Amino acid sequence: TSNFGGKWIWKAHTLPKVQNFLWKCHHQSLPVNAILEARGVEGLGGYSVCSEAREPISHVLKECPVAQSF
């Protein structure tokens, strides 16, 4: 379990859509292949940008070479 509660997200001085995005990241709610597969959605194929078989949120946002170059 993580000590990160995510309460700071709603206190952050930023746009509501950014807060919502961070909340979805924290609660594993973004529709990336790894999350969808865990929920039973099949036949998604690989990550279309860098051909990763599975792409968790961390890969999409920071580990992917394409994301790093962006």
PDB file of N, CA and C in Angstrom:
ATOM      1  N   THR A   1       0.839  -1.190   0.000  1.00  0.00           N
ATOM      2  CA  THR A   1       0.000   0.000   0.000  1.00  0.00           C
ATOM      3  C   THR A   1       0.877   1.243   0.000  1.00  0.00           C
ATOM      4  N   SER A   2       0.354   2.278  -0.539  1.00  0.00           N
ATOM      5  CA  SER A   2       1.089   3.522  -0.652  1.00  0.00           C
ATOM      6  C   SER A   2       0.632   4.521   0.404  1.00  0.00           C
ATOM      7  N   ASN A   3       1.555   5.324   0.886  1.00  0.00           N
ATOM      8  CA  ASN A   3       1.215   6.385   1.820  1.00  0.00           C
ATOM      9  C   ASN A   3       0.662   7.606   1.103  1.00  0.00           C
ATOM     10  N   PHE A   4       0.764   7.616  -0.216  1.00  0.00           N
ATOM     11  CA  PHE A   4       0.272   8.733  -0.999  1.00  0.00           C
ATOM     12  C   PHE A   4      -1.244   8.682  -1.050  1.00  0.00           C
ATOM     13  N   GLY A   5      -1.893   9.629  -0.394  1.00  0.00           N
ATOM     14  CA  GLY A   5      -3.347   9.633  -0.334  1.00  0.00           C
ATOM     15  C   GLY A   5      -4.001  10.368  -1.472  1.00  0.00           C
ATOM     16  N   GLY A   6      -3.283  11.246  -2.108  1.00  0.00           N
ATOM     17  CA  GLY A   6      -3.843  11.983  -3.219  1.00  0.00           C
ATOM     18  C   GLY A   6      -4.655  13.204  -2.831  1.00  0.00           C
ATOM     19  N   LYS A   7      -4.741  13.503  -1.536  1.00  0.00           N
ATOM     20  CA  LYS A   7      -5.523  14.663  -1.110  1.00  0.00           C
ATOM     21  C   LYS A   7      -4.924  15.974  -1.609  1.00  0.00           C
ATOM     22  N   TRP A   8      -3.620  15.990  -1.832  1.00  0.00           N
ATOM     23  CA  TRP A   8      -2.969  17.210  -2.301  1.00  0.00           C
ATOM     24  C   TRP A   8      -3.459  17.607  -3.681  1.00  0.00           C
ATOM     25  N   ILE A   9      -3.956  16.638  -4.446  1.00  0.00           N
ATOM     26  CA  ILE A   9      -4.406  16.919  -5.812  1.00  0.00           C
ATOM     27  C   ILE A   9      -5.469  18.013  -5.812  1.00  0.00           C
ATOM     28  N   TRP A  10      -6.414  17.928  -4.889  1.00  0.00           N
ATOM     29  CA  TRP A  10      -7.517  18.896  -4.859  1.00  0.00           C
ATOM     30  C   TRP A  10      -7.098  20.223  -4.253  1.00  0.00           C
ATOM     31  N   LYS A  11      -5.940  20.255  -3.601  1.00  0.00           N
ATOM     32  CA  LYS A  11      -5.437  21.499  -3.023  1.00  0.00           C
ATOM     33  C   LYS A  11      -4.460  22.214  -3.958  1.00  0.00           C
ATOM     34  N   ALA A  12      -4.053  21.551  -5.004  1.00  0.00           N
ATOM     35  CA  ALA A  12      -3.092  22.127  -5.943  1.00  0.00           C
ATOM     36  C   ALA A  12      -3.714  23.311  -6.680  1.00  0.00           C
ATOM     37  N   HIS A  13      -2.930  24.345  -6.868  1.00  0.00           N
ATOM     38  CA  HIS A  13      -3.392  25.540  -7.578  1.00  0.00           C
ATOM     39  C   HIS A  13      -3.164  25.332  -9.071  1.00  0.00           C
ATOM     40  N   THR A  14      -4.114  24.640  -9.690  1.00  0.00           N
ATOM     41  CA  THR A  14      -4.021  24.336 -11.110  1.00  0.00           C
ATOM     42  C   THR A  14      -5.427  24.236 -11.676  1.00  0.00           C
ATOM     43  N   LEU A  15      -5.528  23.994 -12.946  1.00  0.00           N
ATOM     44  CA  LEU A  15      -6.829  23.869 -13.604  1.00  0.00           C
ATOM     45  C   LEU A  15      -7.561  22.616 -13.132  1.00  0.00           C
ATOM     46  N   PRO A  16      -8.876  22.673 -13.059  1.00  0.00           N
ATOM     47  CA  PRO A  16      -9.638  21.489 -12.654  1.00  0.00           C
ATOM     48  C   PRO A  16      -9.389  20.278 -13.547  1.00  0.00           C
ATOM     49  N   LYS A  17      -9.172  20.487 -14.848  1.00  0.00           N
ATOM     50  CA  LYS A  17      -8.931  19.333 -15.726  1.00  0.00           C
ATOM     51  C   LYS A  17      -7.590  18.664 -15.416  1.00  0.00           C
ATOM     52  N   VAL A  18      -6.611  19.431 -14.943  1.00  0.00           N
ATOM     53  CA  VAL A  18      -5.327  18.852 -14.538  1.00  0.00           C
ATOM     54  C   VAL A  18      -5.515  18.058 -13.251  1.00  0.00           C
ATOM     55  N   GLN A  19      -6.284  18.604 -12.317  1.00  0.00           N
ATOM     56  CA  GLN A  19      -6.580  17.883 -11.078  1.00  0.00           C
ATOM     57  C   GLN A  19      -7.292  16.569 -11.388  1.00  0.00           C
ATOM     58  N   ASN A  20      -8.245  16.606 -12.296  1.00  0.00           N
ATOM     59  CA  ASN A  20      -8.981  15.402 -12.676  1.00  0.00           C
ATOM     60  C   ASN A  20      -8.051  14.370 -13.302  1.00  0.00           C
ATOM     61  N   PHE A  21      -7.135  14.806 -14.169  1.00  0.00           N
ATOM     62  CA  PHE A  21      -6.170  13.905 -14.792  1.00  0.00           C
ATOM     63  C   PHE A  21      -5.274  13.249 -13.739  1.00  0.00           C
ATOM     64  N   LEU A  22      -4.771  14.042 -12.799  1.00  0.00           N
ATOM     65  CA  LEU A  22      -3.925  13.499 -11.742  1.00  0.00           C
ATOM     66  C   LEU A  22      -4.685  12.505 -10.874  1.00  0.00           C
ATOM     67  N   TRP A  23      -5.945  12.803 -10.584  1.00  0.00           N
ATOM     68  CA  TRP A  23      -6.780  11.897  -9.795  1.00  0.00           C
ATOM     69  C   TRP A  23      -6.957  10.560 -10.527  1.00  0.00           C
ATOM     70  N   LYS A  24      -7.193  10.625 -11.827  1.00  0.00           N
ATOM     71  CA  LYS A  24      -7.345   9.399 -12.620  1.00  0.00           C
ATOM     72  C   LYS A  24      -6.043   8.600 -12.659  1.00  0.00           C
ATOM     73  N   CYS A  25      -4.910   9.283 -12.748  1.00  0.00           N
ATOM     74  CA  CYS A  25      -3.617   8.591 -12.706  1.00  0.00           C
ATOM     75  C   CYS A  25      -3.444   7.887 -11.367  1.00  0.00           C
ATOM     76  N   HIS A  26      -3.751   8.583 -10.300  1.00  0.00           N
ATOM     77  CA  HIS A  26      -3.586   8.032  -8.952  1.00  0.00           C
ATOM     78  C   HIS A  26      -4.472   6.803  -8.730  1.00  0.00           C
ATOM     79  N   HIS A  27      -5.658   6.818  -9.289  1.00  0.00           N
ATOM     80  CA  HIS A  27      -6.603   5.721  -9.075  1.00  0.00           C
ATOM     81  C   HIS A  27      -6.614   4.698 -10.206  1.00  0.00           C
ATOM     82  N   GLN A  28      -5.561   4.737 -11.039  1.00  0.00           N
ATOM     83  CA  GLN A  28      -5.430   3.760 -12.131  1.00  0.00           C
ATOM     84  C   GLN A  28      -6.691   3.718 -12.989  1.00  0.00           C
ATOM     85  N   SER A  29      -7.165   4.884 -13.396  1.00  0.00           N
ATOM     86  CA  SER A  29      -8.408   4.976 -14.160  1.00  0.00           C
ATOM     87  C   SER A  29      -8.218   5.431 -15.595  1.00  0.00           C
ATOM     88  N   LEU A  30      -6.985   5.675 -16.014  1.00  0.00           N
ATOM     89  CA  LEU A  30      -6.769   6.044 -17.403  1.00  0.00           C
ATOM     90  C   LEU A  30      -6.859   4.793 -18.272  1.00  0.00           C
ATOM     91  N   PRO A  31      -7.497   4.888 -19.434  1.00  0.00           N
ATOM     92  CA  PRO A  31      -7.698   3.693 -20.264  1.00  0.00           C
ATOM     93  C   PRO A  31      -6.456   3.306 -21.074  1.00  0.00           C
ATOM     94  N   VAL A  32      -5.410   2.850 -20.395  1.00  0.00           N
ATOM     95  CA  VAL A  32      -4.227   2.324 -21.072  1.00  0.00           C
ATOM     96  C   VAL A  32      -4.356   0.799 -21.117  1.00  0.00           C
ATOM     97  N   ASN A  33      -3.610   0.161 -22.000  1.00  0.00           N
ATOM     98  CA  ASN A  33      -3.762  -1.285 -22.206  1.00  0.00           C
ATOM     99  C   ASN A  33      -3.626  -2.097 -20.922  1.00  0.00           C
ATOM    100  N   ALA A  34      -2.662  -1.762 -20.088  1.00  0.00           N
ATOM    101  CA  ALA A  34      -2.444  -2.545 -18.867  1.00  0.00           C
ATOM    102  C   ALA A  34      -3.673  -2.504 -17.963  1.00  0.00           C
ATOM    103  N   ILE A  35      -4.311  -1.345 -17.844  1.00  0.00           N
ATOM    104  CA  ILE A  35      -5.501  -1.209 -17.004  1.00  0.00           C
ATOM    105  C   ILE A  35      -6.681  -1.934 -17.637  1.00  0.00           C
ATOM    106  N   LEU A  36      -6.859  -1.747 -18.943  1.00  0.00           N
ATOM    107  CA  LEU A  36      -7.988  -2.386 -19.629  1.00  0.00           C
ATOM    108  C   LEU A  36      -7.868  -3.903 -19.598  1.00  0.00           C
ATOM    109  N   GLU A  37      -6.654  -4.428 -19.760  1.00  0.00           N
ATOM    110  CA  GLU A  37      -6.454  -5.878 -19.678  1.00  0.00           C
ATOM    111  C   GLU A  37      -6.789  -6.397 -18.292  1.00  0.00           C
ATOM    112  N   ALA A  38      -6.417  -5.659 -17.255  1.00  0.00           N
ATOM    113  CA  ALA A  38      -6.721  -6.077 -15.889  1.00  0.00           C
ATOM    114  C   ALA A  38      -8.221  -6.105 -15.640  1.00  0.00           C
ATOM    115  N   ARG A  39      -8.963  -5.311 -16.400  1.00  0.00           N
ATOM    116  CA  ARG A  39     -10.430  -5.267 -16.256  1.00  0.00           C
ATOM    117  C   ARG A  39     -11.139  -6.230 -17.202  1.00  0.00           C
ATOM    118  N   GLY A  40     -10.362  -6.999 -17.967  1.00  0.00           N
ATOM    119  CA  GLY A  40     -10.950  -8.036 -18.805  1.00  0.00           C
ATOM    120  C   GLY A  40     -11.200  -7.644 -20.247  1.00  0.00           C
ATOM    121  N   VAL A  41     -10.742  -6.480 -20.677  1.00  0.00           N
ATOM    122  CA  VAL A  41     -10.885  -6.075 -22.072  1.00  0.00           C
ATOM    123  C   VAL A  41      -9.736  -6.716 -22.840  1.00  0.00           C
ATOM    124  N   GLU A  42     -10.051  -7.491 -23.883  1.00  0.00           N
ATOM    125  CA  GLU A  42      -9.023  -8.235 -24.605  1.00  0.00           C
ATOM    126  C   GLU A  42      -8.902  -7.761 -26.046  1.00  0.00           C
ATOM    127  N   GLY A  43      -7.836  -8.195 -26.706  1.00  0.00           N
ATOM    128  CA  GLY A  43      -7.641  -7.912 -28.124  1.00  0.00           C
ATOM    129  C   GLY A  43      -7.240  -6.479 -28.407  1.00  0.00           C
ATOM    130  N   LEU A  44      -6.464  -5.881 -27.518  1.00  0.00           N
ATOM    131  CA  LEU A  44      -6.103  -4.481 -27.692  1.00  0.00           C
ATOM    132  C   LEU A  44      -4.863  -4.294 -28.549  1.00  0.00           C
ATOM    133  N   GLY A  45      -4.038  -5.320 -28.682  1.00  0.00           N
ATOM    134  CA  GLY A  45      -2.799  -5.177 -29.427  1.00  0.00           C
ATOM    135  C   GLY A  45      -1.756  -4.434 -28.608  1.00  0.00           C
ATOM    136  N   GLY A  46      -0.662  -4.066 -29.248  1.00  0.00           N
ATOM    137  CA  GLY A  46       0.415  -3.372 -28.551  1.00  0.00           C
ATOM    138  C   GLY A  46       0.200  -1.875 -28.508  1.00  0.00           C
ATOM    139  N   TYR A  47       1.036  -1.229 -27.756  1.00  0.00           N
ATOM    140  CA  TYR A  47       1.021   0.222 -27.646  1.00  0.00           C
ATOM    141  C   TYR A  47       1.397   0.778 -29.010  1.00  0.00           C
ATOM    142  N   SER A  48       0.581   1.601 -29.579  1.00  0.00           N
ATOM    143  CA  SER A  48       0.742   1.997 -30.972  1.00  0.00           C
ATOM    144  C   SER A  48       1.912   2.947 -31.227  1.00  0.00           C
ATOM    145  N   VAL A  49       2.444   3.581 -30.204  1.00  0.00           N
ATOM    146  CA  VAL A  49       3.511   4.557 -30.421  1.00  0.00           C
ATOM    147  C   VAL A  49       4.885   3.894 -30.431  1.00  0.00           C
ATOM    148  N   CYS A  50       5.168   3.034 -29.459  1.00  0.00           N
ATOM    149  CA  CYS A  50       6.515   2.451 -29.407  1.00  0.00           C
ATOM    150  C   CYS A  50       6.478   0.917 -29.360  1.00  0.00           C
ATOM    151  N   SER A  51       5.375   0.305 -29.687  1.00  0.00           N
ATOM    152  CA  SER A  51       5.221  -1.150 -29.813  1.00  0.00           C
ATOM    153  C   SER A  51       5.441  -1.910 -28.514  1.00  0.00           C
ATOM    154  N   GLU A  52       5.177  -1.307 -27.372  1.00  0.00           N
ATOM    155  CA  GLU A  52       5.220  -2.032 -26.101  1.00  0.00           C
ATOM    156  C   GLU A  52       4.017  -2.960 -26.039  1.00  0.00           C
ATOM    157  N   ALA A  53       4.214  -4.166 -25.535  1.00  0.00           N
ATOM    158  CA  ALA A  53       3.112  -5.112 -25.412  1.00  0.00           C
ATOM    159  C   ALA A  53       2.101  -4.618 -24.381  1.00  0.00           C
ATOM    160  N   ARG A  54       2.595  -4.129 -23.270  1.00  0.00           N
ATOM    161  CA  ARG A  54       1.727  -3.562 -22.226  1.00  0.00           C
ATOM    162  C   ARG A  54       2.250  -2.168 -21.929  1.00  0.00           C
ATOM    163  N   GLU A  55       1.353  -1.269 -21.670  1.00  0.00           N
ATOM    164  CA  GLU A  55       1.820   0.064 -21.343  1.00  0.00           C
ATOM    165  C   GLU A  55       1.085   0.592 -20.128  1.00  0.00           C
ATOM    166  N   PRO A  56       1.682   0.427 -18.946  1.00  0.00           N
ATOM    167  CA  PRO A  56       1.072   1.022 -17.760  1.00  0.00           C
ATOM    168  C   PRO A  56       1.155   2.550 -17.840  1.00  0.00           C
ATOM    169  N   ILE A  57       0.450   3.209 -16.975  1.00  0.00           N
ATOM    170  CA  ILE A  57       0.408   4.668 -16.976  1.00  0.00           C
ATOM    171  C   ILE A  57       1.812   5.255 -16.877  1.00  0.00           C
ATOM    172  N   SER A  58       2.665   4.667 -16.038  1.00  0.00           N
ATOM    173  CA  SER A  58       4.023   5.199 -15.868  1.00  0.00           C
ATOM    174  C   SER A  58       4.807   5.155 -17.178  1.00  0.00           C
ATOM    175  N   HIS A  59       4.587   4.114 -17.979  1.00  0.00           N
ATOM    176  CA  HIS A  59       5.289   4.022 -19.260  1.00  0.00           C
ATOM    177  C   HIS A  59       4.795   5.103 -20.214  1.00  0.00           C
ATOM    178  N   VAL A  60       3.496   5.256 -20.297  1.00  0.00           N
ATOM    179  CA  VAL A  60       2.920   6.226 -21.228  1.00  0.00           C
ATOM    180  C   VAL A  60       3.369   7.643 -20.896  1.00  0.00           C
ATOM    181  N   LEU A  61       3.441   7.972 -19.611  1.00  0.00           N
ATOM    182  CA  LEU A  61       3.728   9.346 -19.219  1.00  0.00           C
ATOM    183  C   LEU A  61       5.205   9.682 -19.075  1.00  0.00           C
ATOM    184  N   LYS A  62       6.065   8.700 -18.706  1.00  0.00           N
ATOM    185  CA  LYS A  62       7.462   9.076 -18.476  1.00  0.00           C
ATOM    186  C   LYS A  62       8.507   8.106 -19.000  1.00  0.00           C
ATOM    187  N   GLU A  63       8.217   6.836 -19.177  1.00  0.00           N
ATOM    188  CA  GLU A  63       9.242   5.872 -19.566  1.00  0.00           C
ATOM    189  C   GLU A  63       9.347   5.685 -21.075  1.00  0.00           C
ATOM    190  N   CYS A  64       8.282   5.970 -21.789  1.00  0.00           N
ATOM    191  CA  CYS A  64       8.258   5.795 -23.236  1.00  0.00           C
ATOM    192  C   CYS A  64       9.234   6.770 -23.898  1.00  0.00           C
ATOM    193  N   PRO A  65      10.075   6.295 -24.820  1.00  0.00           N
ATOM    194  CA  PRO A  65      11.004   7.207 -25.500  1.00  0.00           C
ATOM    195  C   PRO A  65      10.286   8.354 -26.208  1.00  0.00           C
ATOM    196  N   VAL A  66       9.115   8.083 -26.739  1.00  0.00           N
ATOM    197  CA  VAL A  66       8.350   9.132 -27.410  1.00  0.00           C
ATOM    198  C   VAL A  66       7.885  10.191 -26.409  1.00  0.00           C
ATOM    199  N   ALA A  67       7.435   9.744 -25.231  1.00  0.00           N
ATOM    200  CA  ALA A  67       7.022  10.686 -24.192  1.00  0.00           C
ATOM    201  C   ALA A  67       8.218  11.490 -23.686  1.00  0.00           C
ATOM    202  N   GLN A  68       9.366  10.850 -23.574  1.00  0.00           N
ATOM    203  CA  GLN A  68      10.555  11.560 -23.110  1.00  0.00           C
ATOM    204  C   GLN A  68      10.999  12.621 -24.100  1.00  0.00           C
ATOM    205  N   SER A  69      10.871  12.330 -25.396  1.00  0.00           N
ATOM    206  CA  SER A  69      11.272  13.314 -26.384  1.00  0.00           C
ATOM    207  C   SER A  69      10.287  14.474 -26.473  1.00  0.00           C
ATOM    208  N   PHE A  70       9.058  14.217 -26.056  1.00  0.00           N
ATOM    209  CA  PHE A  70       8.035  15.260 -26.082  1.00  0.00           C
ATOM    210  C   PHE A  70       8.288  16.237 -24.970  1.00  0.00           C
TER     211      PHE A  70
END
